Amino acid sequence: MVRSPGERMMVGKGFTPAQQAWPPLELEGFAQLAGKRAQKRILGPMKSIAWTDHANFTNCLLYTSDA
């Protein structure tokens, strides 16, 4: 894992089966919202920069969707 110099926290959470059916953009937005909520709960309110790896995330969806 490569960390940026200013990185202070990393959080993770699973999705319910219903949430996994959401479009990728909604999943990423929901994940960022959950991360911001965790940050506020753990570190308190503050400004932050959040990002997702959209290209890698959509590739994972393409390769794992063999339903």
Protein backbone atom coordinates (compact mmCIF):
# COMPACT_ATOMS: atom_id res chain seq x y z
CA MET A 1 0.00 0.00 0.00
CA VAL A 2 1.33 3.42 -0.92
CA ARG A 3 0.43 6.17 1.49
CA SER A 4 0.50 9.86 0.85
CA PRO A 5 2.53 12.05 3.24
CA GLY A 6 -0.62 13.59 4.72
CA GLU A 7 -2.60 10.40 5.22
CA ARG A 8 -3.84 10.10 8.78
CA MET A 9 -6.60 7.52 8.69
CA MET A 10 -7.89 4.66 6.61
CA VAL A 11 -11.27 2.98 7.17
CA GLY A 12 -13.02 0.04 5.57
CA LYS A 13 -16.50 -1.42 5.64
CA GLY A 14 -18.42 -4.08 3.73
CA PHE A 15 -21.54 -3.57 1.66
CA THR A 16 -24.84 -5.40 2.05
CA PRO A 17 -26.00 -7.48 -0.93
CA ALA A 18 -28.55 -4.77 -1.80
CA GLN A 19 -25.83 -2.08 -1.74
CA GLN A 20 -23.56 -4.21 -3.94
CA ALA A 21 -26.20 -3.94 -6.68
CA TRP A 22 -25.88 -0.13 -6.78
CA PRO A 23 -24.12 1.54 -9.73
CA PRO A 24 -20.37 2.14 -9.18
CA LEU A 25 -20.70 5.91 -8.82
CA GLU A 26 -23.29 5.56 -6.05
CA LEU A 27 -21.16 2.93 -4.28
CA GLU A 28 -18.12 5.22 -4.35
CA GLY A 29 -20.12 8.19 -3.09
CA PHE A 30 -21.65 6.13 -0.29
CA ALA A 31 -18.21 4.77 0.65
CA GLN A 32 -16.80 8.30 0.87
CA LEU A 33 -19.75 9.38 3.02
CA ALA A 34 -19.16 6.42 5.35
CA GLY A 35 -15.46 7.30 5.53
CA LYS A 36 -16.23 10.92 6.40
CA ARG A 37 -18.64 9.76 9.12
CA ALA A 38 -15.95 7.46 10.56
CA GLN A 39 -13.44 10.31 10.48
CA LYS A 40 -15.82 12.59 12.37
CA ARG A 41 -16.53 9.85 14.92
CA ILE A 42 -12.85 8.96 15.49
CA LEU A 43 -10.91 12.21 14.93
CA GLY A 44 -13.61 14.84 15.25
CA PRO A 45 -14.87 17.32 12.64
CA MET A 46 -12.26 18.60 10.18
CA LYS A 47 -11.72 19.26 6.49
CA SER A 48 -10.41 16.36 4.45
CA ILE A 49 -9.64 15.21 0.94
CA ALA A 50 -11.09 11.86 -0.07
CA TRP A 51 -10.61 9.92 -3.28
CA THR A 52 -11.43 6.58 -4.84
CA ASP A 53 -9.64 4.49 -7.40
CA HIS A 54 -12.52 4.51 -9.89
CA ALA A 55 -10.64 2.82 -12.76
CA ASN A 56 -9.46 -0.06 -10.56
CA PHE A 57 -12.87 -0.35 -8.88
CA THR A 58 -14.78 -0.63 -12.17
CA ASN A 59 -12.22 -3.17 -13.48
CA CYS A 60 -12.82 -5.29 -10.38
CA LEU A 61 -16.55 -5.16 -11.05
CA LEU A 62 -16.06 -6.20 -14.67
CA TYR A 63 -13.84 -9.15 -13.76
CA THR A 64 -15.95 -10.42 -10.85
CA SER A 65 -19.45 -10.07 -12.34
CA ASP A 66 -19.90 -13.58 -13.68
CA ALA A 67 -23.39 -14.01 -12.22
